[in-house]
C-alpha atoms as a PDB file:
ATOM      1  CA  MET A   1      34.449  23.076   0.761  1.00  0.00           C
ATOM      2  CA  ALA A   2      37.088  21.778   2.979  1.00  0.00           C
ATOM      3  CA  VAL A   3      39.940  24.233   4.201  1.00  0.00           C
ATOM      4  CA  TYR A   4      43.187  23.134   5.468  1.00  0.00           C
ATOM      5  CA  HIS A   5      45.153  25.740   7.339  1.00  0.00           C
ATOM      6  CA  GLY A   6      48.975  24.587   8.107  1.00  0.00           C
ATOM      7  CA  LYS A   7      51.272  27.649   9.951  1.00  0.00           C
ATOM      8  CA  ASN A   8      55.203  27.153  10.161  1.00  0.00           C
ATOM      9  CA  THR A   9      55.882  28.462  13.639  1.00  0.00           C
ATOM     10  CA  LYS A  10      60.019  29.228  12.554  1.00  0.00           C
ATOM     11  CA  THR A  11      59.094  31.330   9.395  1.00  0.00           C
ATOM     12  CA  ASP A  12      55.438  32.064  10.471  1.00  0.00           C
ATOM     13  CA  GLU A  13      54.716  31.504   6.953  1.00  0.00           C
ATOM     14  CA  SER A  14      50.997  30.028   6.316  1.00  0.00           C
ATOM     15  CA  ARG A  15      49.504  27.415   3.411  1.00  0.00           C
ATOM     16  CA  LEU A  16      45.743  26.785   2.595  1.00  0.00           C
ATOM     17  CA  ILE A  17      44.393  24.135   0.866  1.00  0.00           C
ATOM     18  CA  LEU A  18      41.037  24.430  -0.660  1.00  0.00           C
ATOM     19  CA  ILE A  19      38.831  21.330  -1.959  1.00  0.00           C
ATOM     20  CA  GLN A  20      35.736  22.430  -3.915  1.00  0.00           C
ATOM     21  CA  PRO A  21      35.809  25.873  -3.588  1.00  0.00           C
ATOM     22  CA  SER A  22      33.119  28.181  -5.672  1.00  0.00           C
ATOM     23  CA  LYS A  23      34.001  30.511  -7.897  1.00  0.00           C
ATOM     24  CA  SER A  24      32.877  33.550  -6.085  1.00  0.00           C
ATOM     25  CA  SER A  25      35.390  32.363  -3.084  1.00  0.00           C
ATOM     26  CA  GLN A  26      38.056  32.145  -5.690  1.00  0.00           C
ATOM     27  CA  ASP A  27      37.498  35.173  -7.252  1.00  0.00           C
ATOM     28  CA  ARG A  28      37.406  36.744  -3.219  1.00  0.00           C
ATOM     29  CA  LEU A  29      40.404  35.085  -2.265  1.00  0.00           C
ATOM     30  CA  LYS A  30      42.734  36.295  -5.144  1.00  0.00           C
ATOM     31  CA  GLN A  31      41.479  39.574  -4.158  1.00  0.00           C
ATOM     32  CA  ILE A  32      42.974  39.511  -0.929  1.00  0.00           C
ATOM     33  CA  ILE A  33      45.966  37.696  -1.399  1.00  0.00           C
ATOM     34  CA  ARG A  34      46.779  40.142  -4.116  1.00  0.00           C
ATOM     35  CA  ALA A  35      46.399  43.584  -2.029  1.00  0.00           C
ATOM     36  CA  PRO A  36      48.961  44.530  -0.257  1.00  0.00           C
ATOM     37  CA  GLY A  37      49.317  43.377   3.800  1.00  0.00           C
ATOM     38  CA  VAL A  38      50.531  41.226   6.140  1.00  0.00           C
ATOM     39  CA  LEU A  39      50.336  37.578   5.788  1.00  0.00           C
ATOM     40  CA  GLU A  40      48.604  37.085   8.871  1.00  0.00           C
ATOM     41  CA  ASP A  41      45.793  39.649   7.921  1.00  0.00           C
ATOM     42  CA  CYS A  42      45.299  37.401   4.875  1.00  0.00           C
ATOM     43  CA  VAL A  43      44.997  34.686   6.170  1.00  0.00           C
ATOM     44  CA  ILE A  44      42.177  35.530   8.760  1.00  0.00           C
ATOM     45  CA  LEU A  45      40.502  37.303   6.032  1.00  0.00           C
ATOM     46  CA  ALA A  46      40.869  34.273   3.790  1.00  0.00           C
ATOM     47  CA  HIS A  47      38.716  32.099   6.807  1.00  0.00           C
ATOM     48  CA  VAL A  48      36.204  34.932   6.879  1.00  0.00           C
ATOM     49  CA  VAL A  49      35.317  35.026   3.417  1.00  0.00           C
ATOM     50  CA  ILE A  50      34.997  31.042   2.659  1.00  0.00           C
ATOM     51  CA  LEU A  51      32.902  30.889   6.212  1.00  0.00           C
ATOM     52  CA  GLU A  52      30.729  33.777   4.805  1.00  0.00           C
ATOM     53  CA  ALA A  53      30.649  32.027   1.127  1.00  0.00           C
ATOM     54  CA  ALA A  54      29.582  28.945   3.010  1.00  0.00           C
ATOM     55  CA  GLU A  55      26.946  30.589   5.103  1.00  0.00           C
ATOM     56  CA  SER A  56      25.260  31.983   2.077  1.00  0.00           C
ATOM     57  CA  ASP A  57      24.361  28.653   0.262  1.00  0.00           C
ATOM     58  CA  TRP A  58      22.319  28.116   3.595  1.00  0.00           C
ATOM     59  CA  GLU A  59      19.436  29.997   3.211  1.00  0.00           C
ATOM     60  CA  PRO A  60      18.368  28.801  -0.126  1.00  0.00           C
ATOM     61  CA  TYR A  61      18.713  25.032   0.847  1.00  0.00           C
ATOM     62  CA  LEU A  62      16.594  25.341   3.995  1.00  0.00           C
ATOM     63  CA  ARG A  63      13.924  27.225   1.851  1.00  0.00           C
ATOM     64  CA  TYR A  64      14.320  24.569  -0.460  1.00  0.00           C
ATOM     65  CA  SER A  65      13.812  22.299   2.106  1.00  0.00           C
ATOM     66  CA  LYS A  66      11.016  23.979   3.697  1.00  0.00           C
ATOM     67  CA  GLN A  67       9.239  23.957   0.017  1.00  0.00           C
ATOM     68  CA  GLN A  68       9.448  19.902   0.158  1.00  0.00           C
ATOM     69  CA  PHE A  69       8.212  19.466   3.390  1.00  0.00           C
ATOM     70  CA  ASN A  70       5.208  22.153   3.053  1.00  0.00           C
ATOM     71  CA  ARG A  71       4.429  20.450   0.301  1.00  0.00           C
ATOM     72  CA  ILE A  72       3.896  16.994   2.609  1.00  0.00           C
ATOM     73  CA  ALA A  73       2.307  18.461   5.086  1.00  0.00           C
ATOM     74  CA  ASN A  74      -0.528  19.996   3.075  1.00  0.00           C
ATOM     75  CA  ALA A  75      -1.235  16.812   1.980  1.00  0.00           C
ATOM     76  CA  ALA A  76      -0.872  15.245   5.450  1.00  0.00           C
ATOM     77  CA  GLN A  77      -3.284  17.986   6.807  1.00  0.00           C
ATOM     78  CA  THR A  78      -5.933  17.997   3.510  1.00  0.00           C
ATOM     79  CA  SER A  79      -6.203  14.180   2.844  1.00  0.00           C
ATOM     80  CA  GLN A  80      -8.768  12.298   4.177  1.00  0.00           C
ATOM     81  CA  VAL A  81      -7.909   9.483   6.365  1.00  0.00           C
ATOM     82  CA  ILE A  82     -10.015   7.355   4.622  1.00  0.00           C
ATOM     83  CA  ASN A  83     -11.628   7.721   1.408  1.00  0.00           C
ATOM     84  CA  THR A  84     -15.201   8.198   1.163  1.00  0.00           C
ATOM     85  CA  GLY A  85     -15.632   9.209  -2.005  1.00  0.00           C
ATOM     86  CA  LYS A  86     -16.191  13.054  -0.684  1.00  0.00           C
ATOM     87  CA  LYS A  87     -14.865  16.035  -1.643  1.00  0.00           C
ATOM     88  CA  PRO A  88     -14.008  17.420   2.180  1.00  0.00           C
ATOM     89  CA  LYS A  89     -14.658  20.348   3.274  1.00  0.00           C
ATOM     90  CA  THR A  90     -12.777  23.888   3.888  1.00  0.00           C
ATOM     91  CA  PHE A  91     -13.430  26.534   6.030  1.00  0.00           C
ATOM     92  CA  ARG A  92     -12.350  30.063   6.969  1.00  0.00           C
ATOM     93  CA  TYR A  93     -12.641  31.581  10.482  1.00  0.00           C
ATOM     94  CA  SER A  94     -12.935  35.144  10.369  1.00  0.00           C
ATOM     95  CA  ALA A  95     -14.277  37.987  13.305  1.00  0.00           C
ATOM     96  CA  ASP A  96     -17.876  39.668  12.414  1.00  0.00           C
ATOM     97  CA  SER A  97     -18.133  43.480  13.648  1.00  0.00           C
ATOM     98  CA  HIS A  98     -18.729  42.233  16.692  1.00  0.00           C
ATOM     99  CA  GLY A  99     -15.715  40.371  16.892  1.00  0.00           C
ATOM    100  CA  ASN A 100     -17.210  37.335  17.315  1.00  0.00           C
ATOM    101  CA  LEU A 101     -15.421  34.465  15.236  1.00  0.00           C
ATOM    102  CA  VAL A 102     -17.297  33.475  12.295  1.00  0.00           C
ATOM    103  CA  LYS A 103     -17.068  30.170  10.555  1.00  0.00           C
ATOM    104  CA  GLU A 104     -17.619  30.344   6.890  1.00  0.00           C
ATOM    105  CA  GLU A 105     -17.099  27.308   4.595  1.00  0.00           C
ATOM    106  CA  ILE A 106     -14.976  27.560   1.456  1.00  0.00           C
ATOM    107  CA  LYS A 107     -16.892  26.419  -1.856  1.00  0.00           C
ATOM    108  CA  ASP A 108     -14.157  26.629  -5.093  1.00  0.00           C
ATOM    109  CA  ALA A 109     -11.130  25.383  -2.318  1.00  0.00           C
ATOM    110  CA  ILE A 110      -8.352  23.461  -4.227  1.00  0.00           C
ATOM    111  CA  MET A 111      -7.933  20.393  -2.390  1.00  0.00           C
ATOM    112  CA  GLU A 112      -4.848  17.658  -2.489  1.00  0.00           C
ATOM    113  CA  ASP A 113      -6.145  14.385  -4.004  1.00  0.00           C
ATOM    114  CA  THR A 114      -7.015  12.214  -1.251  1.00  0.00           C
ATOM    115  CA  ASN A 115      -5.265   9.393  -2.433  1.00  0.00           C
ATOM    116  CA  SER A 116      -1.813  11.294  -3.069  1.00  0.00           C
ATOM    117  CA  LEU A 117      -0.748  10.544   0.133  1.00  0.00           C
ATOM    118  CA  CYS A 118       1.633   7.465  -0.033  1.00  0.00           C
ATOM    119  CA  PHE A 119       4.107   5.574   1.482  1.00  0.00           C
ATOM    120  CA  LYS A 120       6.587   7.534  -0.752  1.00  0.00           C
ATOM    121  CA  ASP A 121       5.996  10.593   1.510  1.00  0.00           C
ATOM    122  CA  SER A 122       7.220   8.967   4.281  1.00  0.00           C
ATOM    123  CA  GLN A 123      10.162   7.629   2.932  1.00  0.00           C
ATOM    124  CA  ARG A 124      10.834  11.197   1.662  1.00  0.00           C
ATOM    125  CA  LEU A 125       9.972  13.011   5.000  1.00  0.00           C
ATOM    126  CA  GLU A 126      12.649   9.980   6.292  1.00  0.00           C
ATOM    127  CA  PHE A 127      15.417  11.118   3.901  1.00  0.00           C
ATOM    128  CA  LEU A 128      14.060  14.816   4.522  1.00  0.00           C
ATOM    129  CA  TYR A 129      14.738  14.504   8.444  1.00  0.00           C
ATOM    130  CA  GLU A 130      18.376  12.806   7.658  1.00  0.00           C
ATOM    131  CA  GLN A 131      19.398  15.823   5.904  1.00  0.00           C
ATOM    132  CA  LEU A 132      18.380  18.105   8.511  1.00  0.00           C
ATOM    133  CA  SER A 133      19.639  16.558  11.043  1.00  0.00           C
ATOM    134  CA  ARG A 134      23.044  16.138   9.233  1.00  0.00           C
ATOM    135  CA  CYS A 135      22.553  20.083   8.724  1.00  0.00           C
ATOM    136  CA  SER A 136      22.250  20.427  12.184  1.00  0.00           C
ATOM    137  CA  ALA A 137      25.394  18.367  12.894  1.00  0.00           C
ATOM    138  CA  ILE A 138      27.467  21.058   9.987  1.00  0.00           C
ATOM    139  CA  ILE A 139      25.982  24.018  11.227  1.00  0.00           C
ATOM    140  CA  GLN A 140      27.485  23.478  15.030  1.00  0.00           C
ATOM    141  CA  ASN A 141      30.723  22.428  13.173  1.00  0.00           C
ATOM    142  CA  SER A 142      30.765  26.187  11.452  1.00  0.00           C
ATOM    143  CA  ILE A 143      29.875  27.536  14.485  1.00  0.00           C
ATOM    144  CA  ASP A 144      32.725  26.080  16.537  1.00  0.00           C
ATOM    145  CA  ILE A 145      35.265  26.789  13.438  1.00  0.00           C
ATOM    146  CA  ALA A 146      33.919  30.441  13.729  1.00  0.00           C
ATOM    147  CA  THR A 147      34.658  30.780  17.320  1.00  0.00           C
ATOM    148  CA  GLY A 148      37.650  29.748  16.840  1.00  0.00           C
ATOM    149  CA  CYS A 149      39.084  31.566  14.051  1.00  0.00           C
ATOM    150  CA  LEU A 150      37.622  34.365  16.423  1.00  0.00           C
ATOM    151  CA  ALA A 151      39.570  33.576  19.471  1.00  0.00           C
ATOM    152  CA  PHE A 152      42.277  33.460  16.709  1.00  0.00           C
ATOM    153  CA  CYS A 153      41.799  37.140  16.000  1.00  0.00           C
ATOM    154  CA  GLU A 154      41.010  38.152  19.521  1.00  0.00           C
ATOM    155  CA  ALA A 155      44.723  36.794  19.938  1.00  0.00           C
ATOM    156  CA  LEU A 156      46.346  38.641  16.927  1.00  0.00           C
ATOM    157  CA  ARG A 157      45.704  42.038  19.297  1.00  0.00           C
ATOM    158  CA  ASP A 158      48.815  41.512  20.939  1.00  0.00           C
ATOM    159  CA  THR A 159      50.622  41.129  17.926  1.00  0.00           C
ATOM    160  CA  THR A 160      52.356  44.425  16.300  1.00  0.00           C
ATOM    161  CA  THR A 161      52.189  42.798  12.307  1.00  0.00           C
ATOM    162  CA  THR A 162      48.056  42.973  12.751  1.00  0.00           C
ATOM    163  CA  ALA A 163      46.468  46.458  11.199  1.00  0.00           C
ATOM    164  CA  ALA A 164      43.580  47.052  14.065  1.00  0.00           C
ATOM    165  CA  GLU A 165      40.946  47.998  11.262  1.00  0.00           C
ATOM    166  CA  VAL A 166      41.708  44.376   9.083  1.00  0.00           C
ATOM    167  CA  ARG A 167      41.027  42.704  12.939  1.00  0.00           C
ATOM    168  CA  GLU A 168      38.042  44.476  13.945  1.00  0.00           C
ATOM    169  CA  ALA A 169      36.560  44.309  10.307  1.00  0.00           C
ATOM    170  CA  SER A 170      37.150  40.523  11.037  1.00  0.00           C
ATOM    171  CA  SER A 171      36.031  40.195  14.651  1.00  0.00           C
ATOM    172  CA  ASN A 172      32.488  41.997  13.647  1.00  0.00           C
ATOM    173  CA  LYS A 173      32.443  39.425  10.203  1.00  0.00           C
ATOM    174  CA  LEU A 174      32.639  36.643  12.563  1.00  0.00           C
ATOM    175  CA  HIS A 175      30.057  38.038  15.015  1.00  0.00           C
ATOM    176  CA  LEU A 176      27.284  38.135  12.439  1.00  0.00           C
ATOM    177  CA  TYR A 177      28.747  34.875  10.676  1.00  0.00           C
ATOM    178  CA  ILE A 178      27.841  33.248  14.166  1.00  0.00           C
ATOM    179  CA  ARG A 179      24.607  34.945  14.832  1.00  0.00           C
ATOM    180  CA  ARG A 180      23.300  34.125  11.037  1.00  0.00           C
ATOM    181  CA  MET A 181      24.858  30.579  11.650  1.00  0.00           C
ATOM    182  CA  LYS A 182      22.731  30.205  14.810  1.00  0.00           C
ATOM    183  CA  MET A 183      19.425  31.389  13.154  1.00  0.00           C
ATOM    184  CA  HIS A 184      19.893  28.824  10.530  1.00  0.00           C
ATOM    185  CA  ALA A 185      20.416  26.511  13.253  1.00  0.00           C
ATOM    186  CA  GLN A 186      17.296  27.302  15.095  1.00  0.00           C
ATOM    187  CA  ALA A 187      15.268  26.832  11.682  1.00  0.00           C
ATOM    188  CA  ALA A 188      16.751  24.201  10.895  1.00  0.00           C
ATOM    189  CA  GLU A 189      15.945  22.694  14.552  1.00  0.00           C
ATOM    190  CA  LEU A 190      12.481  23.921  14.063  1.00  0.00           C
ATOM    191  CA  LEU A 191      11.692  21.987  10.570  1.00  0.00           C
ATOM    192  CA  THR A 192      13.306  18.854  11.975  1.00  0.00           C
ATOM    193  CA  LYS A 193      10.597  18.912  14.897  1.00  0.00           C
ATOM    194  CA  GLN A 194       8.199  19.690  12.222  1.00  0.00           C
ATOM    195  CA  VAL A 195       9.516  16.850   9.613  1.00  0.00           C
ATOM    196  CA  GLU A 196       9.241  14.413  12.887  1.00  0.00           C
ATOM    197  CA  LYS A 197       5.780  15.289  13.764  1.00  0.00           C
ATOM    198  CA  THR A 198       4.604  15.168  10.218  1.00  0.00           C
ATOM    199  CA  ALA A 199       5.700  11.800   9.626  1.00  0.00           C
ATOM    200  CA  GLN A 200       4.346  10.332  12.893  1.00  0.00           C
ATOM    201  CA  VAL A 201       0.957  11.965  11.727  1.00  0.00           C
ATOM    202  CA  ILE A 202       1.545  10.162   8.063  1.00  0.00           C
ATOM    203  CA  SER A 203       2.592   6.990   9.942  1.00  0.00           C
ATOM    204  CA  GLN A 204      -0.655   7.077  11.603  1.00  0.00           C
ATOM    205  CA  ILE A 205      -3.165   7.636   8.694  1.00  0.00           C
ATOM    206  CA  LEU A 206      -0.925   5.011   6.515  1.00  0.00           C
ATOM    207  CA  HIS A 207      -1.776   2.318   8.808  1.00  0.00           C
ATOM    208  CA  ILE A 208      -5.704   3.148   9.264  1.00  0.00           C
ATOM    209  CA  ARG A 209      -5.847   3.311   5.523  1.00  0.00           C
ATOM    210  CA  ASN A 210      -3.914  -0.196   5.640  1.00  0.00           C
ATOM    211  CA  GLU A 211      -6.453  -1.584   8.049  1.00  0.00           C
ATOM    212  CA  ALA A 212      -9.835  -0.165   6.681  1.00  0.00           C
ATOM    213  CA  GLU A 213      -8.472  -1.903   3.271  1.00  0.00           C
ATOM    214  CA  ALA A 214      -7.604  -4.945   4.750  1.00  0.00           C
ATOM    215  CA  LEU A 215     -11.517  -4.998   6.374  1.00  0.00           C
ATOM    216  CA  ARG A 216     -12.681  -3.906   2.821  1.00  0.00           C
ATOM    217  CA  ASN A 217     -10.821  -7.271   1.479  1.00  0.00           C
ATOM    218  CA  THR A 218     -12.295  -9.387   4.489  1.00  0.00           C
ATOM    219  CA  THR A 219     -15.701  -8.341   3.768  1.00  0.00           C
ATOM    220  CA  THR A 220     -15.496  -8.354   0.137  1.00  0.00           C
ATOM    221  CA  MET A 221     -13.963 -12.241   0.847  1.00  0.00           C
ATOM    222  CA  ARG A 222     -16.426 -13.323   3.458  1.00  0.00           C
ATOM    223  CA  ASP A 223     -19.497 -11.894   0.215  1.00  0.00           C
ATOM    224  CA  MET A 224     -17.286 -13.856  -1.957  1.00  0.00           C
ATOM    225  CA  LEU A 225     -17.861 -17.350   0.428  1.00  0.00           C
ATOM    226  CA  LYS A 226     -21.481 -16.401   1.040  1.00  0.00           C
ATOM    227  CA  LEU A 227     -21.720 -16.318  -3.079  1.00  0.00           C
ATOM    228  CA  LEU A 228     -19.663 -19.559  -3.665  1.00  0.00           C
ATOM    229  CA  THR A 229     -22.204 -21.088  -0.544  1.00  0.00           C
ATOM    230  CA  ASP A 230     -24.984 -20.442  -2.600  1.00  0.00           C
ATOM    231  CA  LEU A 231     -23.893 -21.713  -5.695  1.00  0.00           C
ATOM    232  CA  GLY A 232     -22.855 -24.799  -4.558  1.00  0.00           C
ATOM    233  CA  ASN A 233     -26.402 -25.189  -2.628  1.00  0.00           C
ATOM    234  CA  SER A 234     -28.173 -24.115  -6.142  1.00  0.00           C
ATOM    235  CA  ALA A 235     -25.591 -26.721  -7.669  1.00  0.00           C
ATOM    236  CA  LYS A 236     -26.733 -29.417  -5.031  1.00  0.00           C
ATOM    237  CA  ASN A 237     -30.096 -28.415  -5.633  1.00  0.00           C
ATOM    238  CA  GLU A 238     -30.120 -28.928  -9.934  1.00  0.00           C
ATOM    239  CA  SER A 239     -27.851 -32.304  -9.104  1.00  0.00           C
ATOM    240  CA  GLU A 240     -30.981 -33.661  -6.959  1.00  0.00           C
ATOM    241  CA  SER A 241     -33.684 -32.416  -9.680  1.00  0.00           C
ATOM    242  CA  LEU A 242     -31.548 -34.004 -12.198  1.00  0.00           C
ATOM    243  CA  ARG A 243     -31.608 -37.097  -9.920  1.00  0.00           C
ATOM    244  CA  VAL A 244     -35.382 -37.090 -10.036  1.00  0.00           C
ATOM    245  CA  ILE A 245     -35.564 -36.416 -13.510  1.00  0.00           C
ATOM    246  CA  SER A 246     -33.608 -39.363 -14.593  1.00  0.00           C
ATOM    247  CA  GLU A 247     -35.552 -41.573 -11.881  1.00  0.00           C
ATOM    248  CA  GLN A 248     -38.395 -40.720 -13.989  1.00  0.00           C
ATOM    249  CA  SER A 249     -36.911 -41.096 -17.243  1.00  0.00           C
ATOM    250  CA  ALA A 250     -36.065 -44.931 -15.600  1.00  0.00           C
ATOM    251  CA  ARG A 251     -39.171 -45.691 -14.731  1.00  0.00           C
ATOM    252  CA  ASP A 252     -41.036 -43.869 -18.088  1.00  0.00           C
ATOM    253  CA  SER A 253     -38.333 -46.179 -19.678  1.00  0.00           C
ATOM    254  CA  ARG A 254     -39.307 -49.041 -18.798  1.00  0.00           C
ATOM    255  CA  PHE A 255     -43.077 -48.677 -18.636  1.00  0.00           C
ATOM    256  CA  THR A 256     -42.380 -47.241 -22.719  1.00  0.00           C
ATOM    257  CA  THR A 257     -40.164 -51.170 -23.209  1.00  0.00           C
ATOM    258  CA  VAL A 258     -43.433 -53.071 -21.762  1.00  0.00           C
ATOM    259  CA  LEU A 259     -45.608 -51.216 -24.124  1.00  0.00           C
ATOM    260  CA  SER A 260     -42.931 -51.885 -27.129  1.00  0.00           C
ATOM    261  CA  PHE A 261     -43.100 -55.965 -25.751  1.00  0.00           C
ATOM    262  CA  THR A 262     -46.782 -56.184 -25.621  1.00  0.00           C
ATOM    263  CA  ALA A 263     -47.054 -54.403 -28.991  1.00  0.00           C
ATOM    264  CA  ILE A 264     -44.597 -56.931 -30.610  1.00  0.00           C
ATOM    265  CA  LEU A 265     -46.599 -59.646 -29.431  1.00  0.00           C
ATOM    266  CA  TYR A 266     -49.609 -58.546 -30.375  1.00  0.00           C
ATOM    267  CA  LEU A 267     -48.225 -57.660 -34.002  1.00  0.00           C
ATOM    268  CA  PRO A 268     -48.624 -60.950 -35.649  1.00  0.00           C
ATOM    269  CA  ALA A 269     -52.201 -61.171 -34.445  1.00  0.00           C
ATOM    270  CA  SER A 270     -52.803 -57.847 -35.717  1.00  0.00           C
ATOM    271  CA  LEU A 271     -51.216 -58.567 -38.822  1.00  0.00           C
ATOM    272  CA  VAL A 272     -53.352 -61.802 -39.434  1.00  0.00           C
ATOM    273  CA  ALA A 273     -56.577 -59.512 -38.594  1.00  0.00           C
ATOM    274  CA  THR A 274     -55.739 -56.994 -41.077  1.00  0.00           C
ATOM    275  CA  ILE A 275     -55.471 -59.921 -43.518  1.00  0.00           C
ATOM    276  CA  PHE A 276     -57.912 -61.987 -43.076  1.00  0.00           C
ATOM    277  CA  SER A 277     -60.056 -58.109 -42.753  1.00  0.00           C
ATOM    278  CA  SER A 278     -59.301 -57.059 -45.911  1.00  0.00           C
ATOM    279  CA  ASN A 279     -60.291 -58.169 -49.772  1.00  0.00           C
ATOM    280  CA  LEU A 280     -56.957 -60.466 -49.857  1.00  0.00           C
ATOM    281  CA  VAL A 281     -58.143 -63.406 -48.081  1.00  0.00           C
ATOM    282  CA  ARG A 282     -62.330 -64.619 -48.866  1.00  0.00           C
ATOM    283  CA  SER A 283     -64.160 -67.182 -47.868  1.00  0.00           C
ATOM    284  CA  SER A 284     -65.111 -69.882 -50.785  1.00  0.00           C
ATOM    285  CA  GLY A 285     -68.246 -70.870 -49.274  1.00  0.00           C
ATOM    286  CA  ASP A 286     -71.360 -69.308 -48.276  1.00  0.00           C
ATOM    287  CA  GLU A 287     -71.369 -67.747 -44.724  1.00  0.00           C
ATOM    288  CA  ASP A 288     -74.330 -70.098 -43.767  1.00  0.00           C
ATOM    289  CA  THR A 289     -73.105 -73.012 -44.830  1.00  0.00           C
ATOM    290  CA  ALA A 290     -70.678 -75.244 -43.008  1.00  0.00           C
ATOM    291  CA  GLY A 291     -67.233 -76.280 -44.155  1.00  0.00           C
ATOM    292  CA  GLY A 292     -66.270 -73.264 -46.434  1.00  0.00           C
ATOM    293  CA  ARG A 293     -62.156 -72.170 -46.605  1.00  0.00           C
ATOM    294  CA  PHE A 294     -60.176 -69.618 -47.339  1.00  0.00           C
ATOM    295  CA  VAL A 295     -59.397 -68.594 -50.791  1.00  0.00           C
ATOM    296  CA  VAL A 296     -56.370 -66.240 -51.540  1.00  0.00           C
ATOM    297  CA  ALA A 297     -57.431 -63.164 -53.727  1.00  0.00           C
ATOM    298  CA  ALA A 298     -55.342 -62.760 -57.220  1.00  0.00           C
ATOM    299  CA  GLN A 299     -54.110 -59.569 -56.079  1.00  0.00           C
ATOM    300  CA  PHE A 300     -52.513 -60.753 -52.669  1.00  0.00           C
ATOM    301  CA  TRP A 301     -48.678 -60.293 -54.065  1.00  0.00           C
ATOM    302  CA  LEU A 302     -49.725 -56.690 -53.643  1.00  0.00           C
ATOM    303  CA  PHE A 303     -49.627 -56.853 -50.016  1.00  0.00           C
ATOM    304  CA  PRO A 304     -45.720 -58.245 -49.619  1.00  0.00           C
ATOM    305  CA  VAL A 305     -44.325 -56.087 -52.772  1.00  0.00           C
ATOM    306  CA  LEU A 306     -45.829 -53.014 -51.158  1.00  0.00           C
ATOM    307  CA  ALA A 307     -44.778 -53.970 -47.900  1.00  0.00           C
ATOM    308  CA  VAL A 308     -41.159 -54.593 -48.915  1.00  0.00           C
ATOM    309  CA  ALA A 309     -41.022 -51.689 -51.269  1.00  0.00           C
ATOM    310  CA  LEU A 310     -42.230 -49.041 -48.232  1.00  0.00           C
ATOM    311  CA  THR A 311     -39.881 -50.972 -46.025  1.00  0.00           C
ATOM    312  CA  LEU A 312     -37.305 -50.060 -48.349  1.00  0.00           C
ATOM    313  CA  VAL A 313     -37.931 -46.749 -48.944  1.00  0.00           C
ATOM    314  CA  THR A 314     -37.975 -45.886 -45.161  1.00  0.00           C
ATOM    315  CA  LEU A 315     -35.022 -48.047 -44.134  1.00  0.00           C
ATOM    316  CA  VAL A 316     -32.687 -46.798 -47.387  1.00  0.00           C
ATOM    317  CA  PRO A 317     -32.533 -43.187 -46.736  1.00  0.00           C
ATOM    318  CA  THR A 318     -32.422 -43.455 -42.750  1.00  0.00           C
ATOM    319  CA  ILE A 319     -29.080 -45.652 -43.791  1.00  0.00           C
ATOM    320  CA  VAL A 320     -27.967 -43.012 -45.825  1.00  0.00           C
ATOM    321  CA  ALA A 321     -28.125 -40.364 -43.795  1.00  0.00           C
ATOM    322  CA  LEU A 322     -26.826 -41.985 -40.883  1.00  0.00           C
ATOM    323  CA  ARG A 323     -23.555 -43.024 -42.632  1.00  0.00           C
ATOM    324  CA  MET A 324     -23.141 -39.087 -43.710  1.00  0.00           C
ATOM    325  CA  ILE A 325     -23.004 -37.693 -40.287  1.00  0.00           C
ATOM    326  CA  GLN A 326     -21.181 -40.182 -39.149  1.00  0.00           C
ATOM    327  CA  ALA A 327     -18.352 -39.466 -42.117  1.00  0.00           C
ATOM    328  CA  ARG A 328     -18.940 -35.682 -41.283  1.00  0.00           C
ATOM    329  CA  GLY A 329     -18.094 -36.404 -38.100  1.00  0.00           C
ATOM    330  CA  PHE A 330     -14.957 -38.247 -38.323  1.00  0.00           C
ATOM    331  CA  LYS A 331     -13.704 -35.589 -40.428  1.00  0.00           C
ATOM    332  CA  LEU A 332     -14.420 -32.928 -38.511  1.00  0.00           C
ATOM    333  CA  ARG A 333     -12.419 -35.176 -35.791  1.00  0.00           C
ATOM    334  CA  GLY A 334      -9.338 -35.429 -37.960  1.00  0.00           C
ATOM    335  CA  ILE A 335      -9.355 -31.221 -38.606  1.00  0.00           C
ATOM    336  CA  LYS A 336      -9.099 -31.054 -35.436  1.00  0.00           C
ATOM    337  CA  GLU A 337      -6.114 -33.550 -34.337  1.00  0.00           C
ATOM    338  CA  ASP A 338      -4.394 -31.423 -37.212  1.00  0.00           C
END
């Protein structure tokens, strides 16, 4: 609420301009203006009423600011600097029958969450500090205005138009207003100092937590790097094992090729020996008589027929199965492309 007071020295007329006055101030001013009396008395009483109305709002505001501060201050006092996963202990101090100080742990104490303290609280304290600093300046300005009004009230003693009882009442109210405003100024100054100290504590707590978190992240990254190094070494060992297996397979393949080539070389001789050792080829002469010869038996035609039939029975299903597998592979590839 703002007040502008203008006075015409020639006509001794005063004008008051009020900006955003409260409802109670408006009602009180209307009563003063309508009451019979001198104009100067109404003016000084108007200033007293306006100052008293403004003063009545300071105590609730400072109480509200104190509550906001206490919530953050309790979190700063009970919060662990580094979250260890354990609930912080709370103790109560009392005196025994002999006057000695006894320390007692409170088992069921309700503690603040250790993670509730954050940078947002530091911002709130900064905002509260600015508000209190502005309040201190406004309170001091209000005291200066009241001091000026008091000096104006004392100056009215020399005039004959001002009633003594009105002047005395206004002077007493102004003295009371100044004392109460000085009390509000002291409360605001004390709360400002508490906010400043608590802000420093919260800043240190957050700084230590950030350093602990950075150390934890560094340790995690070091462990991950060690794990990746171990995985790389394992992959290297597996690659070396695969290389050894590949070399062994290559040697086995060469050995198998040699065996297959040898078997192919001996296959005609083995086939000839098999034929001559069977009943398909017989000797026409006596075994003891020279000049005998080999004679093909009548069932010799069974050998090529069975050989060709068995070959076809073996190769045809194999070729058909390979064609079906190949066709299925082409079909699956076409579905994936679509």
